[in-house]
Amino acid sequence: MALAIDCHARQLLGWHLSRTGKASAASAALEQVRVTWYGALGRVRESFELRSDSGLVFTSRNYTRLVGGCGLKQEFIMLHCPQQNGMVERVIRTLKEQCVHRSRFESQTHALWVIGG
């Protein structure tokens, strides 16, 4: 699951669930933010930083090209320091405790419906 959270407002801005864990999941979450909050897929009016770990999803050529093309900047947490990305880590933990561990998903569509519900 790829998440986009406004750390100042503590608000979930976008997310995408994927079976593969490829960069396309992070790109889809970012596109959801752009459409939901800015109404279009072009450059954002007010730039903001995207903080993430330095996993392959967030360092891939396609994702970094998308981020730069939107007029955004990337910031990476230090290796082996997930507490620097604590807000996202906490959302994922809560999602697992309150939803994933209590559900038996029949399909990805079912999981999207339950999680998004």
N, C-alpha and C. Protein backbone atom coordinates (compact mmCIF):
# COMPACT_ATOMS: atom_id res chain seq x y z
N MET A 1 0.84 -1.17 0.00
CA MET A 1 0.00 0.00 0.00
C MET A 1 0.89 1.24 0.00
N ALA A 2 0.56 2.16 -0.85
CA ALA A 2 1.27 3.44 -0.90
C ALA A 2 0.33 4.50 -0.34
N LEU A 3 0.85 5.33 0.56
CA LEU A 3 0.07 6.36 1.21
C LEU A 3 0.67 7.73 0.98
N ALA A 4 -0.16 8.74 0.95
CA ALA A 4 0.29 10.14 0.93
C ALA A 4 -0.44 10.85 2.06
N ILE A 5 0.33 11.35 3.03
CA ILE A 5 -0.23 11.97 4.22
C ILE A 5 0.31 13.38 4.36
N ASP A 6 -0.57 14.31 4.67
CA ASP A 6 -0.16 15.67 5.01
C ASP A 6 0.26 15.64 6.48
N CYS A 7 1.56 15.73 6.73
CA CYS A 7 2.07 15.61 8.10
C CYS A 7 1.71 16.81 8.96
N HIS A 8 1.45 17.94 8.35
CA HIS A 8 1.06 19.12 9.13
C HIS A 8 -0.39 19.01 9.59
N ALA A 9 -1.28 18.70 8.67
CA ALA A 9 -2.71 18.59 8.98
C ALA A 9 -3.08 17.20 9.50
N ARG A 10 -2.14 16.25 9.40
CA ARG A 10 -2.39 14.86 9.81
C ARG A 10 -3.60 14.29 9.10
N GLN A 11 -3.57 14.43 7.79
CA GLN A 11 -4.70 14.01 6.97
C GLN A 11 -4.20 13.10 5.85
N LEU A 12 -4.93 12.00 5.63
CA LEU A 12 -4.61 11.10 4.53
C LEU A 12 -5.09 11.74 3.24
N LEU A 13 -4.18 11.98 2.32
CA LEU A 13 -4.51 12.66 1.07
C LEU A 13 -4.78 11.69 -0.07
N GLY A 14 -4.09 10.57 -0.07
CA GLY A 14 -4.27 9.61 -1.14
C GLY A 14 -3.65 8.28 -0.77
N TRP A 15 -4.14 7.22 -1.39
CA TRP A 15 -3.58 5.90 -1.17
C TRP A 15 -3.88 5.01 -2.36
N HIS A 16 -3.08 3.95 -2.47
CA HIS A 16 -3.31 2.98 -3.54
C HIS A 16 -2.84 1.62 -3.06
N LEU A 17 -3.66 0.63 -3.28
CA LEU A 17 -3.35 -0.74 -2.90
C LEU A 17 -2.93 -1.51 -4.15
N SER A 18 -1.84 -2.23 -4.04
CA SER A 18 -1.33 -2.98 -5.18
C SER A 18 -0.85 -4.35 -4.73
N ARG A 19 -1.01 -5.31 -5.58
CA ARG A 19 -0.50 -6.66 -5.29
C ARG A 19 1.00 -6.76 -5.53
N THR A 20 1.53 -5.91 -6.37
CA THR A 20 2.91 -6.07 -6.80
C THR A 20 3.92 -5.24 -6.01
N GLY A 21 3.50 -4.13 -5.44
CA GLY A 21 4.44 -3.28 -4.72
C GLY A 21 5.42 -2.58 -5.64
N LYS A 22 5.00 -2.31 -6.85
CA LYS A 22 5.87 -1.61 -7.81
C LYS A 22 5.65 -0.10 -7.70
N ALA A 23 6.50 0.63 -8.39
CA ALA A 23 6.44 2.10 -8.36
C ALA A 23 5.09 2.61 -8.84
N SER A 24 4.40 1.85 -9.63
CA SER A 24 3.09 2.30 -10.13
C SER A 24 2.11 2.53 -8.99
N ALA A 25 2.25 1.81 -7.87
CA ALA A 25 1.36 2.03 -6.72
C ALA A 25 1.61 3.41 -6.11
N ALA A 26 2.86 3.77 -5.94
CA ALA A 26 3.19 5.09 -5.39
C ALA A 26 2.76 6.18 -6.37
N SER A 27 2.94 5.94 -7.64
CA SER A 27 2.52 6.91 -8.65
C SER A 27 1.01 7.10 -8.63
N ALA A 28 0.27 6.00 -8.47
CA ALA A 28 -1.19 6.09 -8.43
C ALA A 28 -1.65 6.87 -7.19
N ALA A 29 -1.00 6.66 -6.06
CA ALA A 29 -1.35 7.41 -4.84
C ALA A 29 -1.08 8.90 -5.04
N LEU A 30 0.06 9.22 -5.66
CA LEU A 30 0.39 10.63 -5.92
C LEU A 30 -0.59 11.24 -6.91
N GLU A 31 -0.99 10.49 -7.92
CA GLU A 31 -1.97 11.00 -8.88
C GLU A 31 -3.31 11.25 -8.21
N GLN A 32 -3.69 10.39 -7.26
CA GLN A 32 -4.94 10.60 -6.53
C GLN A 32 -4.88 11.92 -5.75
N VAL A 33 -3.75 12.20 -5.13
CA VAL A 33 -3.57 13.47 -4.41
C VAL A 33 -3.72 14.64 -5.37
N ARG A 34 -3.06 14.55 -6.51
CA ARG A 34 -3.09 15.66 -7.47
C ARG A 34 -4.50 15.92 -7.98
N VAL A 35 -5.25 14.88 -8.28
CA VAL A 35 -6.61 15.06 -8.79
C VAL A 35 -7.55 15.51 -7.68
N THR A 36 -7.48 14.87 -6.52
CA THR A 36 -8.39 15.19 -5.42
C THR A 36 -8.16 16.60 -4.88
N TRP A 37 -6.90 16.98 -4.69
CA TRP A 37 -6.60 18.25 -4.03
C TRP A 37 -6.32 19.39 -4.99
N TYR A 38 -5.87 19.07 -6.20
CA TYR A 38 -5.53 20.14 -7.14
C TYR A 38 -6.39 20.13 -8.39
N GLY A 39 -7.21 19.10 -8.56
CA GLY A 39 -8.16 19.05 -9.66
C GLY A 39 -7.57 18.69 -11.01
N ALA A 40 -6.29 18.37 -11.07
CA ALA A 40 -5.68 18.05 -12.36
C ALA A 40 -4.38 17.28 -12.13
N LEU A 41 -3.86 16.73 -13.22
CA LEU A 41 -2.61 15.97 -13.15
C LEU A 41 -1.39 16.81 -13.54
N GLY A 42 -1.54 18.08 -13.74
CA GLY A 42 -0.41 18.94 -14.11
C GLY A 42 0.47 19.26 -12.92
N ARG A 43 1.28 20.27 -13.08
CA ARG A 43 2.14 20.72 -11.99
C ARG A 43 1.30 21.27 -10.84
N VAL A 44 1.75 21.04 -9.63
CA VAL A 44 1.01 21.55 -8.47
C VAL A 44 1.28 23.03 -8.31
N ARG A 45 0.29 23.75 -7.79
CA ARG A 45 0.45 25.19 -7.60
C ARG A 45 1.38 25.51 -6.43
N GLU A 46 1.24 24.76 -5.35
CA GLU A 46 2.09 24.96 -4.18
C GLU A 46 2.92 23.70 -3.99
N SER A 47 4.22 23.83 -4.12
CA SER A 47 5.09 22.68 -4.00
C SER A 47 5.15 22.19 -2.55
N PHE A 48 5.33 20.91 -2.39
CA PHE A 48 5.52 20.32 -1.07
C PHE A 48 6.52 19.18 -1.21
N GLU A 49 7.06 18.74 -0.09
CA GLU A 49 8.04 17.66 -0.11
C GLU A 49 7.35 16.33 0.13
N LEU A 50 7.82 15.33 -0.57
CA LEU A 50 7.35 13.97 -0.37
C LEU A 50 8.43 13.22 0.40
N ARG A 51 8.13 12.85 1.63
CA ARG A 51 9.09 12.12 2.46
C ARG A 51 8.77 10.63 2.36
N SER A 52 9.79 9.84 2.18
CA SER A 52 9.60 8.40 2.11
C SER A 52 10.89 7.70 2.50
N ASP A 53 10.80 6.39 2.59
CA ASP A 53 12.04 5.64 2.74
C ASP A 53 12.70 5.59 1.36
N SER A 54 13.86 5.01 1.29
CA SER A 54 14.58 5.00 0.00
C SER A 54 14.43 3.66 -0.70
N GLY A 55 13.25 3.07 -0.55
CA GLY A 55 12.97 1.81 -1.22
C GLY A 55 12.88 1.98 -2.73
N LEU A 56 12.93 0.87 -3.42
CA LEU A 56 12.93 0.89 -4.89
C LEU A 56 11.70 1.57 -5.46
N VAL A 57 10.57 1.48 -4.78
CA VAL A 57 9.34 2.10 -5.26
C VAL A 57 9.52 3.61 -5.40
N PHE A 58 10.16 4.23 -4.40
CA PHE A 58 10.26 5.68 -4.36
C PHE A 58 11.52 6.23 -5.03
N THR A 59 12.43 5.36 -5.38
CA THR A 59 13.65 5.81 -6.06
C THR A 59 13.69 5.39 -7.52
N SER A 60 12.63 4.76 -7.99
CA SER A 60 12.61 4.32 -9.39
C SER A 60 12.62 5.52 -10.33
N ARG A 61 13.10 5.29 -11.50
CA ARG A 61 13.18 6.35 -12.51
C ARG A 61 11.81 6.93 -12.82
N ASN A 62 10.82 6.06 -12.98
CA ASN A 62 9.48 6.53 -13.32
C ASN A 62 8.88 7.40 -12.22
N TYR A 63 9.04 6.98 -10.96
CA TYR A 63 8.46 7.74 -9.86
C TYR A 63 9.18 9.07 -9.69
N THR A 64 10.51 9.07 -9.70
CA THR A 64 11.24 10.33 -9.52
C THR A 64 10.97 11.29 -10.68
N ARG A 65 10.77 10.76 -11.87
CA ARG A 65 10.42 11.60 -13.02
C ARG A 65 9.04 12.22 -12.82
N LEU A 66 8.10 11.43 -12.32
CA LEU A 66 6.75 11.94 -12.05
C LEU A 66 6.79 13.04 -10.99
N VAL A 67 7.52 12.80 -9.92
CA VAL A 67 7.62 13.78 -8.84
C VAL A 67 8.21 15.09 -9.36
N GLY A 68 9.31 15.00 -10.08
CA GLY A 68 9.93 16.21 -10.63
C GLY A 68 9.04 16.92 -11.62
N GLY A 69 8.34 16.15 -12.45
CA GLY A 69 7.44 16.73 -13.43
C GLY A 69 6.27 17.46 -12.81
N CYS A 70 5.92 17.08 -11.58
CA CYS A 70 4.82 17.75 -10.87
C CYS A 70 5.29 19.02 -10.19
N GLY A 71 6.60 19.23 -10.14
CA GLY A 71 7.13 20.38 -9.44
C GLY A 71 7.33 20.12 -7.95
N LEU A 72 7.48 18.86 -7.58
CA LEU A 72 7.64 18.48 -6.18
C LEU A 72 9.08 18.08 -5.90
N LYS A 73 9.40 17.96 -4.62
CA LYS A 73 10.73 17.55 -4.19
C LYS A 73 10.60 16.29 -3.34
N GLN A 74 11.62 15.45 -3.40
CA GLN A 74 11.64 14.26 -2.58
C GLN A 74 12.62 14.43 -1.42
N GLU A 75 12.24 13.86 -0.29
CA GLU A 75 13.10 13.82 0.88
C GLU A 75 13.06 12.39 1.39
N PHE A 76 14.23 11.83 1.66
CA PHE A 76 14.30 10.45 2.11
C PHE A 76 14.70 10.38 3.57
N ILE A 77 14.09 9.46 4.30
CA ILE A 77 14.48 9.25 5.68
C ILE A 77 15.82 8.52 5.69
N MET A 78 16.50 8.58 6.82
CA MET A 78 17.78 7.89 6.94
C MET A 78 17.53 6.38 6.94
N LEU A 79 18.50 5.63 6.44
CA LEU A 79 18.38 4.18 6.41
C LEU A 79 18.17 3.64 7.82
N HIS A 80 17.27 2.67 7.94
CA HIS A 80 16.99 1.97 9.19
C HIS A 80 16.45 2.90 10.28
N CYS A 81 15.76 3.97 9.89
CA CYS A 81 15.16 4.91 10.86
C CYS A 81 13.68 5.14 10.52
N PRO A 82 12.85 4.09 10.64
CA PRO A 82 11.43 4.26 10.27
C PRO A 82 10.70 5.28 11.13
N GLN A 83 11.24 5.59 12.31
CA GLN A 83 10.59 6.58 13.16
C GLN A 83 10.57 7.96 12.51
N GLN A 84 11.45 8.21 11.53
CA GLN A 84 11.43 9.48 10.80
C GLN A 84 10.22 9.57 9.87
N ASN A 85 9.58 8.45 9.65
CA ASN A 85 8.38 8.39 8.82
C ASN A 85 7.23 7.87 9.68
N GLY A 86 7.24 8.29 10.94
CA GLY A 86 6.35 7.73 11.95
C GLY A 86 4.87 7.84 11.66
N MET A 87 4.45 8.94 11.06
CA MET A 87 3.03 9.11 10.81
C MET A 87 2.51 8.05 9.83
N VAL A 88 3.25 7.81 8.77
CA VAL A 88 2.84 6.80 7.80
C VAL A 88 2.90 5.41 8.44
N GLU A 89 3.97 5.15 9.18
CA GLU A 89 4.10 3.85 9.84
C GLU A 89 2.93 3.60 10.79
N ARG A 90 2.49 4.63 11.50
CA ARG A 90 1.37 4.47 12.44
C ARG A 90 0.06 4.22 11.71
N VAL A 91 -0.16 4.90 10.59
CA VAL A 91 -1.39 4.66 9.81
C VAL A 91 -1.41 3.22 9.33
N ILE A 92 -0.28 2.73 8.85
CA ILE A 92 -0.22 1.34 8.36
C ILE A 92 -0.47 0.36 9.52
N ARG A 93 0.12 0.62 10.67
CA ARG A 93 -0.11 -0.24 11.84
C ARG A 93 -1.58 -0.27 12.23
N THR A 94 -2.20 0.90 12.30
CA THR A 94 -3.62 0.99 12.66
C THR A 94 -4.48 0.27 11.63
N LEU A 95 -4.17 0.45 10.37
CA LEU A 95 -4.91 -0.22 9.30
C LEU A 95 -4.82 -1.74 9.45
N LYS A 96 -3.64 -2.23 9.76
CA LYS A 96 -3.46 -3.67 9.95
C LYS A 96 -4.26 -4.16 11.15
N GLU A 97 -4.16 -3.44 12.28
CA GLU A 97 -4.83 -3.86 13.51
C GLU A 97 -6.35 -3.79 13.40
N GLN A 98 -6.87 -2.74 12.80
CA GLN A 98 -8.31 -2.51 12.81
C GLN A 98 -9.03 -3.04 11.58
N CYS A 99 -8.28 -3.41 10.55
CA CYS A 99 -8.95 -3.82 9.32
C CYS A 99 -8.37 -5.11 8.74
N VAL A 100 -7.11 -5.10 8.42
CA VAL A 100 -6.51 -6.22 7.69
C VAL A 100 -6.52 -7.50 8.51
N HIS A 101 -6.12 -7.44 9.77
CA HIS A 101 -6.06 -8.64 10.60
C HIS A 101 -7.44 -9.15 10.99
N ARG A 102 -8.47 -8.35 10.80
CA ARG A 102 -9.83 -8.74 11.16
C ARG A 102 -10.65 -9.18 9.94
N SER A 103 -10.06 -9.11 8.77
CA SER A 103 -10.81 -9.40 7.55
C SER A 103 -10.16 -10.53 6.77
N ARG A 104 -10.99 -11.22 6.04
CA ARG A 104 -10.48 -12.22 5.10
C ARG A 104 -10.92 -11.72 3.72
N PHE A 105 -9.96 -11.15 3.00
CA PHE A 105 -10.28 -10.56 1.70
C PHE A 105 -10.41 -11.64 0.65
N GLU A 106 -11.48 -11.58 -0.11
CA GLU A 106 -11.73 -12.55 -1.17
C GLU A 106 -11.01 -12.18 -2.45
N SER A 107 -10.72 -10.89 -2.61
CA SER A 107 -10.05 -10.40 -3.82
C SER A 107 -9.46 -9.03 -3.52
N GLN A 108 -8.70 -8.51 -4.46
CA GLN A 108 -8.17 -7.16 -4.28
C GLN A 108 -9.31 -6.14 -4.30
N THR A 109 -10.31 -6.38 -5.11
CA THR A 109 -11.48 -5.49 -5.16
C THR A 109 -12.18 -5.47 -3.81
N HIS A 110 -12.32 -6.62 -3.20
CA HIS A 110 -12.94 -6.70 -1.87
C HIS A 110 -12.09 -5.95 -0.84
N ALA A 111 -10.78 -6.10 -0.90
CA ALA A 111 -9.89 -5.40 0.01
C ALA A 111 -10.01 -3.88 -0.17
N LEU A 112 -10.07 -3.42 -1.41
CA LEU A 112 -10.24 -1.99 -1.68
C LEU A 112 -11.54 -1.48 -1.09
N TRP A 113 -12.59 -2.25 -1.23
CA TRP A 113 -13.90 -1.87 -0.71
C TRP A 113 -13.88 -1.78 0.81
N VAL A 114 -13.30 -2.78 1.49
CA VAL A 114 -13.26 -2.79 2.95
C VAL A 114 -12.36 -1.67 3.48
N ILE A 115 -11.19 -1.53 2.93
CA ILE A 115 -10.24 -0.51 3.39
C ILE A 115 -10.77 0.90 3.12
N GLY A 116 -11.33 1.09 1.96
CA GLY A 116 -11.85 2.42 1.59
C GLY A 116 -13.16 2.78 2.25
N GLY A 117 -13.84 1.76 2.80
CA GLY A 117 -15.17 1.92 3.37
C GLY A 117 -15.26 2.87 4.46
